[in-house]
Amino acid sequence: MYLNEEYSFHDVRYAISRRLSPYDVSLSFLGEPRKELLGLGARLVRLDYQHAPIADVFSKVWWMKKWVFEGLLANTRSARDLRLQWQQGQAMPKSWGGLRTLVIEIEVTQPVYAWVGLARSLFGKPGGLEQVYLPNLAHDRIGLNRSRYARLVRTYTLAAE
């Protein structure tokens, strides 16, 4: 059985934040996302703000397909512009000016189910960018920085502007 195969969106729609309080991820999607099987070798990218050294990679649940990230890159001229397009397209709650943007790329090593859909307009930002909600990558006993379902391909940091 593939990761998340037995779950419906309603089973996984309440994510647990760092503050250990649940939030309804359906509020982040325009309509109900589709359940999609991501095959072996699928690449996902996550942009994050670099507060400290990278940790808990596979406990992260919000990703984008690599082609979505490449589209963002093709339409931006600077790290600042990329951050702005990302924040607007995924309707991020607030801007973290001055912090470096961390790019994390993973590769699926076993097929997994994820929920894919467009970001809803939130926090005064338009949304509309395709996003991937992929819970449970680290849900086993091998640790938050390891997964049986994906591997870390690379990370790099964009300059702060």
N, C-alpha and C. Protein backbone atom coordinates (compact mmCIF):
# COMPACT_ATOMS: atom_id res chain seq x y z
N MET A 1 0.84 -1.18 0.00
CA MET A 1 0.00 0.00 0.00
C MET A 1 0.89 1.25 0.00
N TYR A 2 0.51 2.24 -0.78
CA TYR A 2 1.28 3.48 -0.87
C TYR A 2 0.97 4.42 0.30
N LEU A 3 1.92 5.27 0.62
CA LEU A 3 1.73 6.25 1.68
C LEU A 3 0.48 7.08 1.41
N ASN A 4 -0.36 7.23 2.38
CA ASN A 4 -1.62 8.00 2.36
C ASN A 4 -2.73 7.40 1.51
N GLU A 5 -2.52 6.22 0.95
CA GLU A 5 -3.53 5.60 0.10
C GLU A 5 -4.84 5.38 0.84
N GLU A 6 -4.76 5.01 2.10
CA GLU A 6 -5.97 4.67 2.85
C GLU A 6 -6.72 5.89 3.37
N TYR A 7 -6.17 7.08 3.17
CA TYR A 7 -6.79 8.29 3.71
C TYR A 7 -7.55 9.08 2.67
N SER A 8 -8.63 9.71 3.12
CA SER A 8 -9.31 10.71 2.30
C SER A 8 -8.79 12.07 2.77
N PHE A 9 -9.11 13.12 2.03
CA PHE A 9 -8.68 14.45 2.43
C PHE A 9 -9.26 14.80 3.80
N HIS A 10 -10.46 14.37 4.06
CA HIS A 10 -11.09 14.67 5.34
C HIS A 10 -10.35 14.01 6.52
N ASP A 11 -9.65 12.91 6.24
CA ASP A 11 -8.86 12.25 7.29
C ASP A 11 -7.61 13.03 7.65
N VAL A 12 -7.06 13.79 6.71
CA VAL A 12 -5.76 14.45 6.93
C VAL A 12 -5.85 15.98 6.89
N ARG A 13 -7.05 16.52 6.80
CA ARG A 13 -7.17 17.96 6.59
C ARG A 13 -6.83 18.81 7.80
N TYR A 14 -6.76 18.22 8.98
CA TYR A 14 -6.36 19.00 10.16
C TYR A 14 -4.90 18.71 10.47
N ALA A 15 -4.05 19.63 10.07
CA ALA A 15 -2.61 19.49 10.31
C ALA A 15 -2.28 20.02 11.69
N ILE A 16 -1.18 19.57 12.23
CA ILE A 16 -0.71 20.04 13.53
C ILE A 16 0.44 21.01 13.27
N SER A 17 0.32 22.22 13.80
CA SER A 17 1.36 23.23 13.60
C SER A 17 2.46 23.04 14.63
N ARG A 18 3.49 23.87 14.51
CA ARG A 18 4.59 23.81 15.47
C ARG A 18 4.11 24.10 16.89
N ARG A 19 3.03 24.87 16.99
CA ARG A 19 2.48 25.19 18.30
C ARG A 19 1.56 24.08 18.79
N LEU A 20 1.51 22.99 18.06
CA LEU A 20 0.71 21.82 18.39
C LEU A 20 -0.79 22.10 18.42
N SER A 21 -1.21 23.11 17.70
CA SER A 21 -2.64 23.37 17.58
C SER A 21 -3.06 23.00 16.16
N PRO A 22 -4.18 22.32 16.02
CA PRO A 22 -4.61 21.91 14.68
C PRO A 22 -5.14 23.09 13.88
N TYR A 23 -4.94 23.02 12.57
CA TYR A 23 -5.57 23.99 11.68
C TYR A 23 -6.12 23.24 10.47
N ASP A 24 -7.14 23.80 9.88
CA ASP A 24 -7.85 23.18 8.78
C ASP A 24 -7.18 23.56 7.46
N VAL A 25 -6.44 22.63 6.86
CA VAL A 25 -5.72 22.93 5.62
C VAL A 25 -6.66 23.12 4.43
N SER A 26 -7.92 22.73 4.57
CA SER A 26 -8.84 22.95 3.45
C SER A 26 -9.02 24.45 3.20
N LEU A 27 -8.77 25.27 4.22
CA LEU A 27 -8.86 26.73 4.05
C LEU A 27 -7.77 27.27 3.14
N SER A 28 -6.74 26.49 2.90
CA SER A 28 -5.63 26.92 2.04
C SER A 28 -5.84 26.55 0.57
N PHE A 29 -6.89 25.80 0.28
CA PHE A 29 -7.15 25.38 -1.10
C PHE A 29 -8.39 26.06 -1.65
N LEU A 30 -8.35 26.34 -2.94
CA LEU A 30 -9.51 26.83 -3.67
C LEU A 30 -10.31 25.58 -4.05
N GLY A 31 -11.39 25.29 -3.34
CA GLY A 31 -12.13 24.06 -3.55
C GLY A 31 -11.41 22.90 -2.89
N GLU A 32 -11.92 21.70 -3.13
CA GLU A 32 -11.28 20.52 -2.54
C GLU A 32 -10.15 20.06 -3.44
N PRO A 33 -8.96 19.81 -2.87
CA PRO A 33 -7.84 19.35 -3.69
C PRO A 33 -8.07 17.92 -4.19
N ARG A 34 -7.40 17.58 -5.26
CA ARG A 34 -7.51 16.22 -5.79
C ARG A 34 -6.41 15.34 -5.18
N LYS A 35 -6.76 14.12 -4.92
CA LYS A 35 -5.78 13.16 -4.42
C LYS A 35 -5.01 12.64 -5.63
N GLU A 36 -3.70 12.73 -5.56
CA GLU A 36 -2.87 12.39 -6.72
C GLU A 36 -1.73 11.48 -6.30
N LEU A 37 -1.49 10.45 -7.10
CA LEU A 37 -0.37 9.56 -6.86
C LEU A 37 0.88 10.18 -7.48
N LEU A 38 1.87 10.47 -6.65
CA LEU A 38 3.16 10.98 -7.12
C LEU A 38 4.08 9.78 -7.28
N GLY A 39 4.53 9.57 -8.48
CA GLY A 39 5.32 8.38 -8.78
C GLY A 39 6.78 8.47 -8.38
N LEU A 40 7.42 7.33 -8.47
CA LEU A 40 8.84 7.21 -8.19
C LEU A 40 9.61 8.26 -8.99
N GLY A 41 10.45 9.02 -8.34
CA GLY A 41 11.27 10.03 -9.03
C GLY A 41 10.64 11.41 -9.11
N ALA A 42 9.39 11.56 -8.68
CA ALA A 42 8.76 12.89 -8.71
C ALA A 42 9.57 13.83 -7.83
N ARG A 43 9.77 15.05 -8.32
CA ARG A 43 10.53 16.06 -7.58
C ARG A 43 9.59 17.11 -7.02
N LEU A 44 9.79 17.44 -5.76
CA LEU A 44 9.02 18.47 -5.08
C LEU A 44 9.98 19.49 -4.49
N VAL A 45 9.52 20.73 -4.46
CA VAL A 45 10.34 21.83 -3.94
C VAL A 45 9.54 22.55 -2.88
N ARG A 46 10.26 23.03 -1.90
CA ARG A 46 9.67 23.84 -0.84
C ARG A 46 10.54 25.07 -0.66
N LEU A 47 9.90 26.21 -0.57
CA LEU A 47 10.60 27.43 -0.21
C LEU A 47 10.28 27.69 1.25
N ASP A 48 11.26 28.11 1.98
CA ASP A 48 11.07 28.36 3.41
C ASP A 48 11.98 29.51 3.79
N TYR A 49 11.70 30.11 4.94
CA TYR A 49 12.57 31.15 5.45
C TYR A 49 13.62 30.51 6.32
N GLN A 50 14.88 30.90 6.10
CA GLN A 50 15.94 30.27 6.86
C GLN A 50 16.11 30.99 8.19
N HIS A 51 15.60 30.36 9.22
CA HIS A 51 15.74 30.88 10.58
C HIS A 51 16.97 30.27 11.24
N ALA A 52 17.25 29.04 10.92
CA ALA A 52 18.31 28.28 11.56
C ALA A 52 18.72 27.18 10.58
N PRO A 53 19.65 26.34 10.95
CA PRO A 53 20.01 25.23 10.05
C PRO A 53 18.79 24.38 9.71
N ILE A 54 18.81 23.79 8.54
CA ILE A 54 17.68 23.00 8.06
C ILE A 54 17.44 21.82 9.01
N ALA A 55 16.18 21.62 9.34
CA ALA A 55 15.80 20.52 10.24
C ALA A 55 14.39 20.08 9.90
N ASP A 56 14.08 18.87 10.24
CA ASP A 56 12.73 18.34 10.10
C ASP A 56 12.20 18.42 8.67
N VAL A 57 13.03 18.18 7.69
CA VAL A 57 12.65 18.30 6.28
C VAL A 57 11.39 17.51 5.98
N PHE A 58 11.32 16.28 6.42
CA PHE A 58 10.22 15.41 6.03
C PHE A 58 8.99 15.56 6.91
N SER A 59 9.07 16.42 7.91
CA SER A 59 7.86 16.74 8.67
C SER A 59 7.10 17.89 8.01
N LYS A 60 7.70 18.54 7.01
CA LYS A 60 7.03 19.62 6.28
C LYS A 60 5.94 19.01 5.40
N VAL A 61 4.81 19.70 5.29
CA VAL A 61 3.69 19.15 4.52
C VAL A 61 3.38 19.93 3.25
N TRP A 62 3.86 21.18 3.14
CA TRP A 62 3.54 22.01 1.97
C TRP A 62 4.71 22.03 0.99
N TRP A 63 4.42 21.62 -0.26
CA TRP A 63 5.41 21.52 -1.32
C TRP A 63 4.81 22.07 -2.61
N MET A 64 5.64 22.16 -3.63
CA MET A 64 5.17 22.44 -4.98
C MET A 64 5.92 21.51 -5.92
N LYS A 65 5.27 21.19 -7.01
CA LYS A 65 5.94 20.36 -8.01
C LYS A 65 7.10 21.17 -8.60
N LYS A 66 8.13 20.47 -9.02
CA LYS A 66 9.32 21.17 -9.50
C LYS A 66 9.00 22.08 -10.68
N TRP A 67 8.08 21.69 -11.55
CA TRP A 67 7.77 22.52 -12.72
C TRP A 67 7.11 23.83 -12.28
N VAL A 68 6.38 23.82 -11.16
CA VAL A 68 5.78 25.06 -10.64
C VAL A 68 6.89 25.99 -10.17
N PHE A 69 7.87 25.44 -9.46
CA PHE A 69 9.01 26.22 -9.00
C PHE A 69 9.79 26.78 -10.19
N GLU A 70 10.02 25.95 -11.19
CA GLU A 70 10.76 26.42 -12.37
C GLU A 70 10.01 27.54 -13.08
N GLY A 71 8.68 27.47 -13.09
CA GLY A 71 7.87 28.56 -13.66
C GLY A 71 8.05 29.85 -12.88
N LEU A 72 8.10 29.75 -11.56
CA LEU A 72 8.36 30.93 -10.73
C LEU A 72 9.73 31.51 -11.06
N LEU A 73 10.73 30.66 -11.15
CA LEU A 73 12.08 31.12 -11.46
C LEU A 73 12.15 31.81 -12.82
N ALA A 74 11.44 31.27 -13.78
CA ALA A 74 11.47 31.83 -15.13
C ALA A 74 10.83 33.21 -15.20
N ASN A 75 9.96 33.52 -14.25
CA ASN A 75 9.24 34.79 -14.28
C ASN A 75 9.74 35.79 -13.23
N THR A 76 10.90 35.55 -12.67
CA THR A 76 11.45 36.46 -11.67
C THR A 76 12.87 36.85 -12.04
N ARG A 77 13.30 37.98 -11.51
CA ARG A 77 14.65 38.48 -11.82
C ARG A 77 15.59 38.47 -10.63
N SER A 78 15.04 38.31 -9.44
CA SER A 78 15.87 38.38 -8.24
C SER A 78 15.29 37.47 -7.16
N ALA A 79 16.09 37.24 -6.14
CA ALA A 79 15.62 36.45 -5.00
C ALA A 79 14.42 37.13 -4.34
N ARG A 80 14.46 38.45 -4.25
CA ARG A 80 13.35 39.20 -3.64
C ARG A 80 12.07 39.02 -4.46
N ASP A 81 12.20 39.09 -5.78
CA ASP A 81 11.04 38.91 -6.66
C ASP A 81 10.49 37.49 -6.55
N LEU A 82 11.37 36.50 -6.47
CA LEU A 82 10.93 35.11 -6.30
C LEU A 82 10.14 34.95 -5.00
N ARG A 83 10.68 35.51 -3.91
CA ARG A 83 9.97 35.44 -2.63
C ARG A 83 8.59 36.08 -2.72
N LEU A 84 8.52 37.24 -3.37
CA LEU A 84 7.25 37.95 -3.50
C LEU A 84 6.25 37.13 -4.31
N GLN A 85 6.67 36.56 -5.44
CA GLN A 85 5.78 35.73 -6.26
C GLN A 85 5.31 34.49 -5.50
N TRP A 86 6.20 33.89 -4.76
CA TRP A 86 5.87 32.72 -3.94
C TRP A 86 4.85 33.09 -2.87
N GLN A 87 5.12 34.16 -2.14
CA GLN A 87 4.21 34.58 -1.07
C GLN A 87 2.83 34.95 -1.61
N GLN A 88 2.79 35.63 -2.76
CA GLN A 88 1.52 36.01 -3.37
C GLN A 88 0.78 34.79 -3.91
N GLY A 89 1.50 33.93 -4.64
CA GLY A 89 0.90 32.77 -5.30
C GLY A 89 0.41 31.71 -4.35
N GLN A 90 1.10 31.55 -3.22
CA GLN A 90 0.65 30.56 -2.24
C GLN A 90 -0.04 31.21 -1.05
N ALA A 91 -0.32 32.51 -1.16
CA ALA A 91 -1.06 33.26 -0.14
C ALA A 91 -0.46 33.04 1.25
N MET A 92 0.82 33.30 1.36
CA MET A 92 1.52 33.15 2.62
C MET A 92 1.07 34.23 3.60
N PRO A 93 1.01 33.92 4.89
CA PRO A 93 0.45 34.86 5.86
C PRO A 93 1.20 36.16 6.02
N LYS A 94 2.53 36.14 6.01
CA LYS A 94 3.24 37.41 6.13
C LYS A 94 4.62 37.30 5.53
N SER A 95 5.16 38.44 5.22
CA SER A 95 6.49 38.51 4.63
C SER A 95 7.52 38.57 5.75
N TRP A 96 8.61 37.90 5.55
CA TRP A 96 9.71 37.91 6.51
C TRP A 96 10.89 38.63 5.89
N GLY A 97 10.77 39.92 5.74
CA GLY A 97 11.80 40.72 5.11
C GLY A 97 13.16 40.52 5.75
N GLY A 98 14.18 40.49 4.91
CA GLY A 98 15.54 40.39 5.40
C GLY A 98 16.04 38.98 5.64
N LEU A 99 15.15 38.02 5.78
CA LEU A 99 15.60 36.65 5.99
C LEU A 99 15.94 36.01 4.65
N ARG A 100 16.84 35.09 4.70
CA ARG A 100 17.19 34.36 3.49
C ARG A 100 16.12 33.32 3.17
N THR A 101 15.95 33.06 1.91
CA THR A 101 14.99 32.04 1.48
C THR A 101 15.74 30.75 1.22
N LEU A 102 15.25 29.70 1.85
CA LEU A 102 15.84 28.38 1.71
C LEU A 102 15.04 27.60 0.67
N VAL A 103 15.72 26.99 -0.27
CA VAL A 103 15.09 26.14 -1.28
C VAL A 103 15.44 24.70 -0.92
N ILE A 104 14.40 23.87 -0.78
CA ILE A 104 14.58 22.46 -0.42
C ILE A 104 13.97 21.63 -1.54
N GLU A 105 14.74 20.72 -2.10
CA GLU A 105 14.23 19.84 -3.15
C GLU A 105 14.33 18.40 -2.68
N ILE A 106 13.22 17.67 -2.83
CA ILE A 106 13.20 16.25 -2.48
C ILE A 106 12.77 15.43 -3.70
N GLU A 107 13.07 14.16 -3.65
CA GLU A 107 12.65 13.23 -4.70
C GLU A 107 11.91 12.07 -4.03
N VAL A 108 10.77 11.73 -4.61
CA VAL A 108 9.97 10.62 -4.11
C VAL A 108 10.68 9.31 -4.47
N THR A 109 10.90 8.45 -3.46
CA THR A 109 11.60 7.19 -3.69
C THR A 109 10.65 5.99 -3.70
N GLN A 110 9.41 6.22 -3.28
CA GLN A 110 8.33 5.24 -3.38
C GLN A 110 7.08 6.04 -3.72
N PRO A 111 6.21 5.52 -4.56
CA PRO A 111 4.99 6.28 -4.87
C PRO A 111 4.23 6.65 -3.60
N VAL A 112 3.70 7.88 -3.59
CA VAL A 112 2.96 8.40 -2.43
C VAL A 112 1.73 9.16 -2.93
N TYR A 113 0.71 9.18 -2.12
CA TYR A 113 -0.45 10.00 -2.43
C TYR A 113 -0.33 11.34 -1.71
N ALA A 114 -0.68 12.39 -2.44
CA ALA A 114 -0.68 13.75 -1.92
C ALA A 114 -1.95 14.43 -2.42
N TRP A 115 -2.26 15.58 -1.85
CA TRP A 115 -3.42 16.36 -2.29
C TRP A 115 -2.90 17.61 -2.99
N VAL A 116 -3.40 17.82 -4.21
CA VAL A 116 -2.89 18.88 -5.07
C VAL A 116 -4.05 19.79 -5.47
N GLY A 117 -3.80 21.09 -5.40
CA GLY A 117 -4.82 22.05 -5.79
C GLY A 117 -4.27 23.46 -5.79
N LEU A 118 -5.10 24.41 -6.15
CA LEU A 118 -4.69 25.81 -6.19
C LEU A 118 -4.83 26.46 -4.83
N ALA A 119 -3.89 27.34 -4.53
CA ALA A 119 -3.93 28.08 -3.26
C ALA A 119 -5.08 29.08 -3.29
N ARG A 120 -5.84 29.12 -2.22
CA ARG A 120 -6.94 30.06 -2.07
C ARG A 120 -6.39 31.44 -1.72
N SER A 121 -7.10 32.46 -2.08
CA SER A 121 -6.75 33.82 -1.70
C SER A 121 -6.92 33.98 -0.19
N LEU A 122 -5.83 34.31 0.47
CA LEU A 122 -5.83 34.49 1.93
C LEU A 122 -4.90 35.64 2.29
N PHE A 123 -5.09 36.22 3.45
CA PHE A 123 -4.19 37.23 3.99
C PHE A 123 -3.96 38.40 3.03
N GLY A 124 -4.97 38.72 2.23
CA GLY A 124 -4.84 39.82 1.29
C GLY A 124 -3.95 39.52 0.10
N LYS A 125 -3.67 38.24 -0.14
CA LYS A 125 -2.82 37.82 -1.26
C LYS A 125 -3.65 36.96 -2.19
N PRO A 126 -3.39 37.03 -3.50
CA PRO A 126 -4.28 36.40 -4.47
C PRO A 126 -4.30 34.87 -4.52
N GLY A 127 -3.20 34.22 -4.15
CA GLY A 127 -3.16 32.77 -4.29
C GLY A 127 -3.11 32.37 -5.76
N GLY A 128 -3.65 31.19 -6.07
CA GLY A 128 -3.71 30.73 -7.46
C GLY A 128 -2.58 29.83 -7.90
N LEU A 129 -1.53 29.71 -7.11
CA LEU A 129 -0.41 28.84 -7.46
C LEU A 129 -0.74 27.41 -7.03
N GLU A 130 -0.38 26.44 -7.86
CA GLU A 130 -0.61 25.05 -7.49
C GLU A 130 0.28 24.69 -6.30
N GLN A 131 -0.31 23.97 -5.34
CA GLN A 131 0.44 23.53 -4.17
C GLN A 131 0.16 22.06 -3.90
N VAL A 132 1.07 21.44 -3.18
CA VAL A 132 0.98 20.02 -2.85
C VAL A 132 0.98 19.89 -1.33
N TYR A 133 -0.03 19.21 -0.82
CA TYR A 133 -0.12 18.92 0.61
C TYR A 133 0.23 17.45 0.77
N LEU A 134 1.36 17.16 1.41
CA LEU A 134 1.87 15.80 1.53
C LEU A 134 2.22 15.50 2.99
N PRO A 135 1.24 15.03 3.76
CA PRO A 135 1.52 14.67 5.15
C PRO A 135 2.14 13.28 5.26
N ASN A 136 2.72 13.00 6.40
CA ASN A 136 3.18 11.67 6.80
C ASN A 136 4.50 11.20 6.21
N LEU A 137 5.27 12.07 5.56
CA LEU A 137 6.56 11.64 5.03
C LEU A 137 7.50 11.16 6.13
N ALA A 138 7.39 11.75 7.30
CA ALA A 138 8.27 11.38 8.41
C ALA A 138 7.57 10.52 9.45
N HIS A 139 6.42 9.98 9.10
CA HIS A 139 5.63 9.23 10.07
C HIS A 139 6.11 7.80 10.23
N ASP A 140 7.28 7.64 10.70
CA ASP A 140 7.78 6.34 11.10
C ASP A 140 8.90 6.59 12.10
N ARG A 141 9.55 5.59 12.50
CA ARG A 141 10.49 5.73 13.62
C ARG A 141 11.92 6.00 13.19
N ILE A 142 12.15 6.42 11.95
CA ILE A 142 13.53 6.63 11.53
C ILE A 142 13.96 8.09 11.66
N GLY A 143 13.07 8.98 12.11
CA GLY A 143 13.46 10.36 12.40
C GLY A 143 12.91 11.36 11.42
N LEU A 144 12.85 12.63 11.87
CA LEU A 144 12.25 13.69 11.06
C LEU A 144 13.11 14.09 9.87
N ASN A 145 14.40 13.84 9.91
CA ASN A 145 15.26 14.19 8.79
C ASN A 145 15.50 13.03 7.85
N ARG A 146 14.73 11.96 8.01
CA ARG A 146 14.83 10.81 7.11
C ARG A 146 13.42 10.35 6.79
N SER A 147 13.28 9.70 5.65
CA SER A 147 11.98 9.20 5.24
C SER A 147 12.16 7.93 4.44
N ARG A 148 11.20 7.04 4.56
CA ARG A 148 11.20 5.84 3.72
C ARG A 148 10.61 6.12 2.34
N TYR A 149 10.06 7.32 2.15
CA TYR A 149 9.30 7.61 0.93
C TYR A 149 9.94 8.67 0.05
N ALA A 150 10.94 9.37 0.56
CA ALA A 150 11.58 10.44 -0.21
C ALA A 150 13.00 10.63 0.28
N ARG A 151 13.79 11.28 -0.57
CA ARG A 151 15.16 11.60 -0.18
C ARG A 151 15.41 13.08 -0.46
N LEU A 152 16.28 13.66 0.32
CA LEU A 152 16.68 15.04 0.11
C LEU A 152 17.62 15.09 -1.07
N VAL A 153 17.30 15.91 -2.07
CA VAL A 153 18.14 16.04 -3.25
C VAL A 153 19.16 17.16 -3.02
N ARG A 154 18.66 18.34 -2.61
CA ARG A 154 19.57 19.45 -2.34
C ARG A 154 18.82 20.56 -1.62
N THR A 155 19.64 21.40 -1.02
CA THR A 155 19.13 22.63 -0.41
C THR A 155 20.10 23.74 -0.79
N TYR A 156 19.57 24.93 -0.93
CA TYR A 156 20.44 26.08 -1.09
C TYR A 156 19.68 27.31 -0.64
N THR A 157 20.44 28.35 -0.38
CA THR A 157 19.89 29.57 0.17
C THR A 157 20.00 30.71 -0.84
N LEU A 158 18.93 31.45 -0.98
CA LEU A 158 18.93 32.64 -1.84
C LEU A 158 19.37 33.84 -1.00
N ALA A 159 20.01 34.77 -1.63
CA ALA A 159 20.49 35.95 -0.92
C ALA A 159 19.33 36.77 -0.35
N ALA A 160 19.55 37.36 0.80
CA ALA A 160 18.57 38.30 1.38
C ALA A 160 18.72 39.63 0.67
N GLU A 161 17.60 40.26 0.38
CA GLU A 161 17.64 41.55 -0.30
C GLU A 161 16.82 42.56 0.45
